């Protein structure tokens, strides 16, 4: 944070980005990307999370580390990207399909 000490707040933008890939033995099946926008805070706040969570400030002025674990898991870039793949996973494991691409009927 010392490197940003003289940086104005409106120039301290940041984002968490996650790419989740679903692959089968035959190759990549799908991928999803999600991001959470925020900015770099001026002080660490919060007791949850790790890494940059205590200085990553969300639009509601809380850091990722100030979110309780359940809310953090719902709002995280990883969770948002993973949720995008749920319909595909459901389709892959539907009774008409097997994970390897063949049918089970």
N, C-alpha and C. Protein backbone atom coordinates (compact mmCIF):
# COMPACT_ATOMS: atom_id res chain seq x y z
N UNK A 1 0.81 -1.19 0.00
CA UNK A 1 0.00 0.00 0.00
C UNK A 1 0.86 1.26 0.00
N UNK A 2 2.07 1.15 0.48
CA UNK A 2 2.96 2.32 0.50
C UNK A 2 3.20 2.87 -0.89
N UNK A 3 3.23 1.99 -1.89
CA UNK A 3 3.46 2.45 -3.25
C UNK A 3 2.31 3.31 -3.76
N UNK A 4 1.13 3.16 -3.17
CA UNK A 4 -0.05 3.93 -3.58
C UNK A 4 -0.35 5.09 -2.64
N UNK A 5 0.52 5.36 -1.70
CA UNK A 5 0.25 6.38 -0.68
C UNK A 5 -0.15 7.73 -1.27
N UNK A 6 0.48 8.14 -2.36
CA UNK A 6 0.19 9.45 -2.95
C UNK A 6 -0.84 9.37 -4.09
N UNK A 7 -1.40 8.19 -4.30
CA UNK A 7 -2.37 8.01 -5.38
C UNK A 7 -3.76 8.42 -4.90
N UNK A 8 -4.44 9.31 -5.65
CA UNK A 8 -5.79 9.74 -5.26
C UNK A 8 -6.75 8.55 -5.24
N UNK A 9 -7.76 8.63 -4.40
CA UNK A 9 -8.72 7.53 -4.25
C UNK A 9 -9.35 7.11 -5.57
N UNK A 10 -9.67 8.06 -6.44
CA UNK A 10 -10.33 7.72 -7.70
C UNK A 10 -9.40 7.00 -8.69
N UNK A 11 -8.13 6.92 -8.36
CA UNK A 11 -7.17 6.21 -9.21
C UNK A 11 -6.69 4.90 -8.57
N UNK A 12 -7.34 4.48 -7.49
CA UNK A 12 -6.94 3.27 -6.77
C UNK A 12 -7.87 2.10 -7.11
N UNK A 13 -8.35 2.09 -8.34
CA UNK A 13 -9.28 1.04 -8.75
C UNK A 13 -8.59 -0.33 -8.76
N UNK A 14 -9.41 -1.34 -8.51
CA UNK A 14 -8.89 -2.70 -8.47
C UNK A 14 -10.02 -3.66 -8.83
N UNK A 15 -9.63 -4.87 -9.19
CA UNK A 15 -10.64 -5.89 -9.44
C UNK A 15 -10.05 -7.25 -9.14
N UNK A 16 -10.92 -8.13 -8.65
CA UNK A 16 -10.59 -9.54 -8.52
C UNK A 16 -11.18 -10.22 -9.74
N UNK A 17 -10.40 -11.07 -10.41
CA UNK A 17 -10.86 -11.79 -11.60
C UNK A 17 -10.63 -13.27 -11.38
N UNK A 18 -11.63 -14.07 -11.75
CA UNK A 18 -11.49 -15.52 -11.69
C UNK A 18 -11.93 -16.13 -13.01
N UNK A 19 -11.19 -17.12 -13.46
CA UNK A 19 -11.56 -17.92 -14.61
C UNK A 19 -11.66 -19.36 -14.11
N UNK A 20 -12.82 -19.96 -14.31
CA UNK A 20 -13.05 -21.34 -13.90
C UNK A 20 -13.25 -22.16 -15.16
N UNK A 21 -12.53 -23.26 -15.25
CA UNK A 21 -12.59 -24.10 -16.44
C UNK A 21 -13.10 -25.48 -16.05
N UNK A 22 -14.04 -25.97 -16.83
CA UNK A 22 -14.56 -27.32 -16.66
C UNK A 22 -13.99 -28.15 -17.80
N UNK A 23 -13.25 -29.19 -17.47
CA UNK A 23 -12.59 -29.99 -18.49
C UNK A 23 -12.96 -31.46 -18.32
N UNK A 24 -12.96 -32.15 -19.42
CA UNK A 24 -13.19 -33.59 -19.41
C UNK A 24 -11.94 -34.26 -19.99
N UNK A 25 -11.87 -35.57 -19.94
CA UNK A 25 -10.71 -36.23 -20.56
C UNK A 25 -10.59 -35.92 -22.06
N UNK A 26 -11.68 -35.51 -22.68
CA UNK A 26 -11.67 -35.18 -24.11
C UNK A 26 -11.25 -33.73 -24.37
N UNK A 27 -11.07 -32.93 -23.34
CA UNK A 27 -10.67 -31.54 -23.53
C UNK A 27 -11.55 -30.59 -22.74
N UNK A 28 -11.31 -29.32 -22.93
CA UNK A 28 -12.06 -28.29 -22.22
C UNK A 28 -13.51 -28.33 -22.65
N UNK A 29 -14.40 -28.34 -21.68
CA UNK A 29 -15.82 -28.34 -21.96
C UNK A 29 -16.37 -26.92 -21.94
N UNK A 30 -15.97 -26.13 -20.93
CA UNK A 30 -16.48 -24.76 -20.83
C UNK A 30 -15.60 -23.96 -19.89
N UNK A 31 -15.73 -22.65 -19.99
CA UNK A 31 -15.04 -21.78 -19.06
C UNK A 31 -15.95 -20.60 -18.74
N UNK A 32 -15.75 -20.03 -17.58
CA UNK A 32 -16.52 -18.87 -17.15
C UNK A 32 -15.57 -17.89 -16.48
N UNK A 33 -15.82 -16.61 -16.71
CA UNK A 33 -15.01 -15.56 -16.12
C UNK A 33 -15.92 -14.62 -15.34
N UNK A 34 -15.46 -14.20 -14.20
CA UNK A 34 -16.21 -13.23 -13.41
C UNK A 34 -15.23 -12.29 -12.73
N UNK A 35 -15.70 -11.11 -12.43
CA UNK A 35 -14.86 -10.16 -11.71
C UNK A 35 -15.68 -9.38 -10.71
N UNK A 36 -15.00 -8.92 -9.69
CA UNK A 36 -15.59 -8.07 -8.66
C UNK A 36 -14.77 -6.79 -8.67
N UNK A 37 -15.46 -5.68 -8.85
CA UNK A 37 -14.80 -4.37 -8.92
C UNK A 37 -14.69 -3.76 -7.52
N UNK A 38 -13.65 -2.99 -7.31
CA UNK A 38 -13.45 -2.30 -6.05
C UNK A 38 -12.32 -1.31 -6.16
N UNK A 39 -11.75 -0.99 -5.03
CA UNK A 39 -10.56 -0.14 -5.02
C UNK A 39 -9.67 -0.53 -3.85
N UNK A 40 -8.41 -0.10 -3.93
CA UNK A 40 -7.44 -0.40 -2.88
C UNK A 40 -7.64 0.61 -1.75
N UNK A 41 -7.94 0.09 -0.59
CA UNK A 41 -8.14 0.95 0.58
C UNK A 41 -6.83 1.48 1.11
N UNK A 42 -6.96 2.37 2.06
CA UNK A 42 -5.78 3.00 2.64
C UNK A 42 -5.33 2.31 3.93
N UNK A 43 -6.17 1.43 4.47
CA UNK A 43 -5.80 0.67 5.66
C UNK A 43 -6.47 -0.69 5.63
N UNK A 44 -5.86 -1.65 6.27
CA UNK A 44 -6.44 -2.99 6.34
C UNK A 44 -7.61 -2.99 7.31
N UNK A 45 -8.71 -3.66 6.90
CA UNK A 45 -9.89 -3.78 7.75
C UNK A 45 -10.49 -5.16 7.57
N UNK A 46 -10.97 -5.73 8.66
CA UNK A 46 -11.67 -7.01 8.60
C UNK A 46 -10.81 -8.16 9.06
N UNK A 47 -11.49 -9.22 9.46
CA UNK A 47 -10.76 -10.38 9.99
C UNK A 47 -10.98 -11.64 9.16
N UNK A 48 -11.82 -11.56 8.13
CA UNK A 48 -12.09 -12.72 7.29
C UNK A 48 -11.27 -12.61 6.01
N UNK A 49 -11.03 -13.72 5.38
CA UNK A 49 -10.35 -13.68 4.11
C UNK A 49 -8.84 -13.76 4.25
N UNK A 50 -8.17 -13.52 3.15
CA UNK A 50 -6.72 -13.64 3.09
C UNK A 50 -6.21 -12.78 1.94
N UNK A 51 -4.92 -12.73 1.78
CA UNK A 51 -4.33 -11.99 0.66
C UNK A 51 -4.72 -10.53 0.69
N UNK A 52 -5.32 -10.08 -0.40
CA UNK A 52 -5.69 -8.67 -0.54
C UNK A 52 -7.06 -8.34 0.06
N UNK A 53 -7.78 -9.32 0.57
CA UNK A 53 -9.13 -9.08 1.10
C UNK A 53 -9.21 -7.91 2.08
N UNK A 54 -8.27 -7.74 3.01
CA UNK A 54 -8.39 -6.63 3.97
C UNK A 54 -8.24 -5.23 3.36
N UNK A 55 -7.70 -5.12 2.15
CA UNK A 55 -7.55 -3.79 1.54
C UNK A 55 -8.41 -3.63 0.29
N UNK A 56 -9.13 -4.68 -0.11
CA UNK A 56 -9.98 -4.60 -1.30
C UNK A 56 -11.35 -4.09 -0.87
N UNK A 57 -11.65 -2.84 -1.21
CA UNK A 57 -12.88 -2.18 -0.77
C UNK A 57 -13.94 -2.29 -1.86
N UNK A 58 -15.11 -2.78 -1.47
CA UNK A 58 -16.24 -2.94 -2.38
C UNK A 58 -17.03 -1.65 -2.50
N UNK A 59 -18.01 -1.63 -3.39
CA UNK A 59 -18.83 -0.43 -3.62
C UNK A 59 -19.58 0.00 -2.36
N UNK A 60 -19.90 -0.96 -1.47
CA UNK A 60 -20.64 -0.60 -0.25
C UNK A 60 -19.70 -0.16 0.89
N UNK A 61 -18.42 0.08 0.58
CA UNK A 61 -17.41 0.60 1.49
C UNK A 61 -16.85 -0.44 2.46
N UNK A 62 -17.30 -1.68 2.38
CA UNK A 62 -16.72 -2.74 3.20
C UNK A 62 -15.59 -3.41 2.41
N UNK A 63 -14.61 -3.92 3.14
CA UNK A 63 -13.57 -4.71 2.48
C UNK A 63 -14.08 -6.14 2.36
N UNK A 64 -13.44 -6.90 1.48
CA UNK A 64 -13.80 -8.32 1.37
C UNK A 64 -13.59 -9.03 2.70
N UNK A 65 -12.61 -8.60 3.47
CA UNK A 65 -12.33 -9.22 4.77
C UNK A 65 -13.36 -8.86 5.83
N UNK A 66 -14.19 -7.85 5.57
CA UNK A 66 -15.24 -7.49 6.52
C UNK A 66 -16.54 -8.25 6.27
N UNK A 67 -16.63 -8.94 5.14
CA UNK A 67 -17.82 -9.74 4.87
C UNK A 67 -17.76 -11.02 5.69
N UNK A 68 -18.93 -11.46 6.19
CA UNK A 68 -18.90 -12.75 6.88
C UNK A 68 -18.64 -13.83 5.84
N UNK A 69 -18.13 -14.98 6.25
CA UNK A 69 -17.73 -16.00 5.29
C UNK A 69 -18.83 -16.42 4.31
N UNK A 70 -20.06 -16.48 4.74
CA UNK A 70 -21.15 -16.88 3.84
C UNK A 70 -21.35 -15.82 2.76
N UNK A 71 -21.42 -14.55 3.15
CA UNK A 71 -21.60 -13.49 2.16
C UNK A 71 -20.38 -13.40 1.24
N UNK A 72 -19.19 -13.54 1.78
CA UNK A 72 -17.98 -13.49 0.95
C UNK A 72 -18.02 -14.60 -0.09
N UNK A 73 -18.42 -15.80 0.30
CA UNK A 73 -18.49 -16.91 -0.64
C UNK A 73 -19.56 -16.71 -1.71
N UNK A 74 -20.61 -15.97 -1.40
CA UNK A 74 -21.65 -15.68 -2.39
C UNK A 74 -21.23 -14.59 -3.37
N UNK A 75 -20.43 -13.63 -2.90
CA UNK A 75 -20.06 -12.47 -3.71
C UNK A 75 -18.70 -12.56 -4.37
N UNK A 76 -17.92 -13.58 -4.02
CA UNK A 76 -16.55 -13.65 -4.52
C UNK A 76 -16.50 -13.88 -6.03
N UNK A 77 -15.43 -13.45 -6.62
CA UNK A 77 -15.22 -13.64 -8.05
C UNK A 77 -15.18 -15.11 -8.40
N UNK A 78 -14.65 -15.93 -7.51
CA UNK A 78 -14.60 -17.38 -7.76
C UNK A 78 -16.00 -17.98 -7.75
N UNK A 79 -16.80 -17.59 -6.77
CA UNK A 79 -18.16 -18.12 -6.67
C UNK A 79 -19.00 -17.69 -7.87
N UNK A 80 -18.88 -16.43 -8.27
CA UNK A 80 -19.68 -15.94 -9.40
C UNK A 80 -19.32 -16.66 -10.69
N UNK A 81 -18.04 -16.92 -10.91
CA UNK A 81 -17.62 -17.65 -12.11
C UNK A 81 -18.10 -19.11 -12.03
N UNK A 82 -17.97 -19.71 -10.87
CA UNK A 82 -18.40 -21.11 -10.71
C UNK A 82 -19.89 -21.27 -10.94
N UNK A 83 -20.67 -20.32 -10.44
CA UNK A 83 -22.13 -20.38 -10.62
C UNK A 83 -22.54 -20.36 -12.09
N UNK A 84 -21.74 -19.70 -12.92
CA UNK A 84 -22.04 -19.65 -14.35
C UNK A 84 -21.98 -21.05 -14.98
N UNK A 85 -21.20 -21.93 -14.39
CA UNK A 85 -21.03 -23.27 -14.96
C UNK A 85 -22.07 -24.27 -14.46
N UNK A 86 -22.85 -23.92 -13.46
CA UNK A 86 -23.83 -24.87 -12.90
C UNK A 86 -24.78 -25.42 -13.96
N UNK A 87 -25.37 -24.59 -14.83
CA UNK A 87 -26.27 -25.16 -15.85
C UNK A 87 -25.57 -26.18 -16.75
N UNK A 88 -24.33 -25.91 -17.10
CA UNK A 88 -23.60 -26.85 -17.95
C UNK A 88 -23.32 -28.15 -17.20
N UNK A 89 -22.93 -28.04 -15.96
CA UNK A 89 -22.68 -29.24 -15.16
C UNK A 89 -23.95 -30.07 -15.03
N UNK A 90 -25.06 -29.39 -14.79
CA UNK A 90 -26.35 -30.09 -14.69
C UNK A 90 -26.66 -30.81 -15.99
N UNK A 91 -26.40 -30.15 -17.11
CA UNK A 91 -26.65 -30.76 -18.41
C UNK A 91 -25.75 -31.97 -18.64
N UNK A 92 -24.48 -31.85 -18.26
CA UNK A 92 -23.54 -32.95 -18.45
C UNK A 92 -23.94 -34.19 -17.66
N UNK A 93 -24.48 -33.97 -16.49
CA UNK A 93 -24.85 -35.09 -15.64
C UNK A 93 -26.33 -35.42 -15.69
N UNK A 94 -27.01 -34.85 -16.66
CA UNK A 94 -28.41 -35.18 -16.92
C UNK A 94 -28.50 -36.66 -17.27
N UNK A 95 -29.63 -37.25 -17.11
CA UNK A 95 -29.78 -38.69 -17.36
C UNK A 95 -29.53 -39.05 -18.83
N UNK A 96 -29.53 -38.08 -19.72
CA UNK A 96 -29.29 -38.36 -21.14
C UNK A 96 -27.82 -38.25 -21.52
N UNK A 97 -26.97 -37.83 -20.61
CA UNK A 97 -25.56 -37.62 -20.95
C UNK A 97 -24.66 -38.17 -19.86
N UNK A 98 -23.50 -38.57 -20.25
CA UNK A 98 -22.47 -38.95 -19.29
C UNK A 98 -21.35 -37.91 -19.35
N UNK A 99 -20.51 -37.80 -18.33
CA UNK A 99 -19.43 -36.81 -18.34
C UNK A 99 -18.43 -36.98 -19.47
N UNK A 100 -18.38 -38.16 -20.07
CA UNK A 100 -17.40 -38.38 -21.13
C UNK A 100 -17.98 -38.10 -22.51
N UNK A 101 -19.23 -37.67 -22.56
CA UNK A 101 -19.81 -37.28 -23.84
C UNK A 101 -20.70 -38.33 -24.46
N UNK A 102 -20.68 -39.54 -23.96
CA UNK A 102 -21.55 -40.59 -24.50
C UNK A 102 -22.90 -40.57 -23.80
N UNK A 103 -23.84 -41.26 -24.35
CA UNK A 103 -25.15 -41.31 -23.71
C UNK A 103 -25.21 -42.49 -22.77
N UNK A 104 -26.09 -42.40 -21.79
CA UNK A 104 -26.22 -43.48 -20.80
C UNK A 104 -27.42 -44.35 -21.10
N UNK A 105 -28.19 -44.01 -22.13
CA UNK A 105 -29.39 -44.79 -22.47
C UNK A 105 -29.05 -45.94 -23.38
